[in-house]
Amino acid sequence: MDTIKFTTKIPKFNEQTHIELLNDDWKQLKEPKSLTNAMLLSMPFMVINALISMGIIYFFSTFSLKKFSFISGDSFVITIDLGVFVAMVLVIVIHEFFHLIFIPNFLKSGDTVIGLTFYGAFVHTEQTVTKDRFLLITIAPFLFLSVFFPLFLSILGILTGKMLVFIILNSLGASLDILGFFLVLVQIPRNAVVRNNGTRTYWKMRKQ
């Protein structure tokens, strides 16, 4: 029986799979050719994501940034201590969990892997899914952890400095996700299915 797999390597592009997909009318998404290019293109989304989360907190919360240990007068100071390190690890784990749970039947999917590399953790699937499901998988960590979560905490008045660290770190870390989200949103028609081959993305129209 197929089950989800664990790996310490980034999924590789398979040339034979690429040829088979093209022969089966799949089209390749236009996306950055390397991780470095993707990270550079995603940098504006770091700022946008953080501003969205901070905006939600500003408008719906009584939490004051002046009470936050990162703010000293007019300066923004970050001290890396054990608490910040733990927060970063938790962000990575919970962020990837929210990708994972929206993959269909992920526990029994032999096409889905959970990875841990020098660059961090990741979730990768080569399942064929609808465009809407692909977009949900991609945006879920940002949507739930950096939009809904701060909104919920703000409305209840229980937002803390440590929670703010978690929320902002997740917003920054979701920049590549949001880049991928918009690439798929803009280039792929609504009634299409999507799948990955390593780091490359493909789509074709869904059979009626």
Protein backbone atom coordinates (compact mmCIF):
# COMPACT_ATOMS: atom_id res chain seq x y z
CA MET A 1 0.00 0.00 0.00
CA ASP A 2 1.33 3.45 -0.92
CA THR A 3 2.01 5.82 1.97
CA ILE A 4 3.47 9.27 2.39
CA LYS A 5 7.27 9.27 2.23
CA PHE A 6 10.08 11.11 4.04
CA THR A 7 13.20 12.43 2.34
CA THR A 8 16.31 14.51 2.96
CA LYS A 9 16.65 15.52 -0.69
CA ILE A 10 14.84 18.10 -2.78
CA PRO A 11 12.65 16.29 -5.38
CA LYS A 12 14.43 16.20 -8.71
CA PHE A 13 13.10 17.03 -12.14
CA ASN A 14 12.64 13.87 -14.23
CA GLU A 15 13.34 14.30 -17.95
CA GLN A 16 11.41 11.16 -18.92
CA THR A 17 8.35 12.31 -16.96
CA HIS A 18 8.67 15.72 -18.64
CA ILE A 19 8.54 14.13 -22.11
CA GLU A 20 5.58 11.93 -21.14
CA LEU A 21 3.66 14.92 -19.77
CA LEU A 22 4.24 17.01 -22.90
CA ASN A 23 3.14 14.09 -25.09
CA ASP A 24 -0.03 13.88 -23.00
CA ASP A 25 -0.92 17.54 -23.69
CA TRP A 26 0.40 18.94 -20.41
CA LYS A 27 1.82 22.47 -20.60
CA GLN A 28 4.70 23.73 -18.49
CA LEU A 29 4.14 26.73 -16.26
CA LYS A 30 6.41 29.73 -16.82
CA GLU A 31 8.24 30.05 -13.50
CA PRO A 32 11.72 30.92 -12.15
CA LYS A 33 14.42 28.56 -13.39
CA SER A 34 16.27 28.39 -10.09
CA LEU A 35 15.63 28.70 -6.36
CA THR A 36 17.82 31.81 -6.26
CA ASN A 37 15.71 33.55 -8.91
CA ALA A 38 12.51 32.49 -7.16
CA MET A 39 13.75 33.91 -3.86
CA LEU A 40 14.67 37.21 -5.49
CA LEU A 41 11.27 37.48 -7.19
CA SER A 42 9.50 36.59 -3.94
CA MET A 43 11.15 39.35 -1.90
CA PRO A 44 8.39 41.94 -2.57
CA PHE A 45 5.90 39.41 -1.20
CA MET A 46 7.85 39.30 2.07
CA VAL A 47 7.04 42.97 2.55
CA ILE A 48 3.44 42.66 1.33
CA ASN A 49 2.76 39.61 3.51
CA ALA A 50 4.17 41.28 6.62
CA LEU A 51 2.18 44.46 5.94
CA ILE A 52 -1.04 42.45 5.59
CA SER A 53 -0.50 40.71 8.94
CA MET A 54 0.57 43.91 10.67
CA GLY A 55 -2.41 45.74 9.17
CA ILE A 56 -4.81 43.18 10.59
CA ILE A 57 -3.18 43.50 14.01
CA TYR A 58 -3.20 47.31 13.81
CA PHE A 59 -6.88 47.62 12.89
CA PHE A 60 -8.35 44.82 15.02
CA SER A 61 -6.07 44.65 18.07
CA THR A 62 -5.25 46.85 21.04
CA PHE A 63 -1.76 45.34 21.10
CA SER A 64 0.87 48.09 21.06
CA LEU A 65 4.15 47.62 19.25
CA LYS A 66 5.71 49.84 21.93
CA LYS A 67 5.21 46.96 24.37
CA PHE A 68 7.06 44.62 22.09
CA SER A 69 10.66 43.81 22.97
CA PHE A 70 11.77 44.30 19.36
CA ILE A 71 10.89 48.01 19.53
CA SER A 72 13.32 50.27 21.35
CA GLY A 73 12.47 53.95 20.93
CA ASP A 74 12.45 54.57 17.20
CA SER A 75 14.63 51.52 16.51
CA PHE A 76 13.69 48.00 15.50
CA VAL A 77 16.01 45.57 17.28
CA ILE A 78 16.01 41.79 16.98
CA THR A 79 17.77 39.70 19.60
CA ILE A 80 18.28 36.07 18.60
CA ASP A 81 17.72 33.98 21.71
CA LEU A 82 16.39 30.51 22.45
CA GLY A 83 12.78 31.70 22.32
CA VAL A 84 13.22 33.14 18.82
CA PHE A 85 14.98 29.97 17.65
CA VAL A 86 12.14 27.79 18.99
CA ALA A 87 9.61 30.10 17.31
CA MET A 88 11.42 29.70 13.97
CA VAL A 89 11.38 25.90 14.24
CA LEU A 90 7.69 25.92 15.16
CA VAL A 91 6.90 28.21 12.25
CA ILE A 92 8.58 25.82 9.80
CA VAL A 93 6.85 22.72 11.20
CA ILE A 94 3.36 24.22 11.48
CA HIS A 95 3.69 26.03 8.14
CA GLU A 96 4.46 22.78 6.31
CA PHE A 97 1.71 20.97 8.21
CA PHE A 98 -0.84 23.37 6.72
CA HIS A 99 0.44 22.58 3.24
CA LEU A 100 0.21 18.87 3.97
CA ILE A 101 -3.33 18.60 5.36
CA PHE A 102 -4.87 20.07 2.20
CA ILE A 103 -3.26 17.50 -0.09
CA PRO A 104 -5.94 14.89 -0.92
CA ASN A 105 -5.49 11.63 1.03
CA PHE A 106 -1.95 12.70 1.95
CA LEU A 107 -1.38 9.86 4.43
CA LYS A 108 -1.98 7.25 1.72
CA SER A 109 -0.36 9.17 -1.12
CA GLY A 110 2.75 7.57 -2.55
CA ASP A 111 3.23 10.73 -4.64
CA THR A 112 3.63 12.94 -1.56
CA VAL A 113 6.80 13.47 0.47
CA ILE A 114 7.77 15.35 3.60
CA GLY A 115 11.33 16.61 3.35
CA LEU A 116 13.99 18.02 5.61
CA THR A 117 17.12 19.54 4.08
CA PHE A 118 19.81 22.06 4.97
CA TYR A 119 17.52 24.76 3.54
CA GLY A 120 14.58 23.80 5.75
CA ALA A 121 11.51 21.57 5.70
CA PHE A 122 9.13 21.15 2.78
CA VAL A 123 6.09 19.24 1.58
CA HIS A 124 5.98 18.10 -2.04
CA THR A 125 3.37 16.21 -4.00
CA GLU A 126 3.20 15.03 -7.60
CA GLN A 127 -0.48 14.22 -7.37
CA THR A 128 -2.73 15.64 -10.06
CA VAL A 129 -5.11 18.11 -8.40
CA THR A 130 -7.53 20.79 -9.58
CA LYS A 131 -6.29 24.34 -9.92
CA ASP A 132 -8.46 25.42 -6.98
CA ARG A 133 -7.03 22.69 -4.74
CA PHE A 134 -3.48 23.51 -5.84
CA LEU A 135 -4.01 27.17 -4.95
CA LEU A 136 -5.44 26.21 -1.55
CA ILE A 137 -2.48 23.93 -0.79
CA THR A 138 -0.11 26.74 -1.74
CA ILE A 139 -1.71 29.59 0.19
CA ALA A 140 -3.04 27.72 3.24
CA PRO A 141 -0.13 28.42 5.65
CA PHE A 142 -0.23 32.16 4.99
CA LEU A 143 -4.02 32.36 4.97
CA PHE A 144 -4.57 30.44 8.20
CA LEU A 145 -1.48 31.42 10.21
CA SER A 146 -0.84 35.01 9.13
CA VAL A 147 -4.35 36.24 8.26
CA PHE A 148 -7.03 34.28 10.15
CA PHE A 149 -4.87 33.55 13.22
CA PRO A 150 -3.90 37.18 13.99
CA LEU A 151 -7.46 38.27 13.23
CA PHE A 152 -8.80 35.71 15.72
CA LEU A 153 -6.25 36.68 18.41
CA SER A 154 -6.84 40.38 17.83
CA ILE A 155 -10.60 40.14 18.13
CA LEU A 156 -10.26 38.14 21.38
CA GLY A 157 -7.62 40.56 22.68
CA ILE A 158 -5.13 37.80 23.49
CA LEU A 159 -2.34 38.67 21.04
CA THR A 160 1.12 38.58 22.64
CA GLY A 161 4.61 39.54 21.54
CA LYS A 162 5.62 35.91 21.06
CA MET A 163 2.55 35.30 18.90
CA LEU A 164 3.47 38.34 16.84
CA VAL A 165 6.94 36.88 16.21
CA PHE A 166 5.35 33.64 15.02
CA ILE A 167 2.89 35.45 12.74
CA ILE A 168 5.49 37.71 11.12
CA LEU A 169 8.03 34.91 10.63
CA ASN A 170 5.34 32.86 8.90
CA SER A 171 4.39 35.83 6.71
CA LEU A 172 7.99 36.26 5.60
CA GLY A 173 8.45 32.52 5.06
CA ALA A 174 5.32 32.34 2.90
CA SER A 175 6.74 34.67 0.24
CA LEU A 176 7.72 31.82 -2.11
CA ASP A 177 4.27 30.29 -1.64
CA ILE A 178 2.57 33.54 -2.62
CA LEU A 179 4.82 33.91 -5.67
CA GLY A 180 3.83 30.40 -6.76
CA PHE A 181 0.18 31.14 -5.98
CA PHE A 182 0.10 34.12 -8.35
CA LEU A 183 2.03 32.34 -11.10
CA VAL A 184 -0.59 29.58 -11.11
CA LEU A 185 -3.52 31.97 -10.65
CA VAL A 186 -2.54 34.12 -13.63
CA GLN A 187 -1.30 31.50 -16.09
CA ILE A 188 -3.59 28.52 -15.62
CA PRO A 189 -7.28 28.44 -16.71
CA ARG A 190 -9.96 27.79 -14.09
CA ASN A 191 -11.02 24.33 -15.30
CA ALA A 192 -7.54 22.85 -15.34
CA VAL A 193 -5.61 20.27 -13.36
CA VAL A 194 -2.10 20.83 -12.05
CA ARG A 195 0.83 18.63 -11.06
CA ASN A 196 4.53 18.86 -10.33
CA ASN A 197 7.56 17.12 -11.76
CA GLY A 198 10.27 17.87 -9.25
CA THR A 199 10.45 21.65 -9.00
CA ARG A 200 8.54 22.23 -12.25
CA THR A 201 4.81 22.73 -12.57
CA TYR A 202 2.49 21.54 -15.36
CA TRP A 203 -1.16 21.93 -16.23
CA LYS A 204 -3.78 20.79 -18.72
CA MET A 205 -7.50 21.23 -19.17
CA ARG A 206 -9.65 18.91 -17.12
CA LYS A 207 -11.68 16.32 -19.02
CA GLN A 208 -15.37 17.09 -18.96
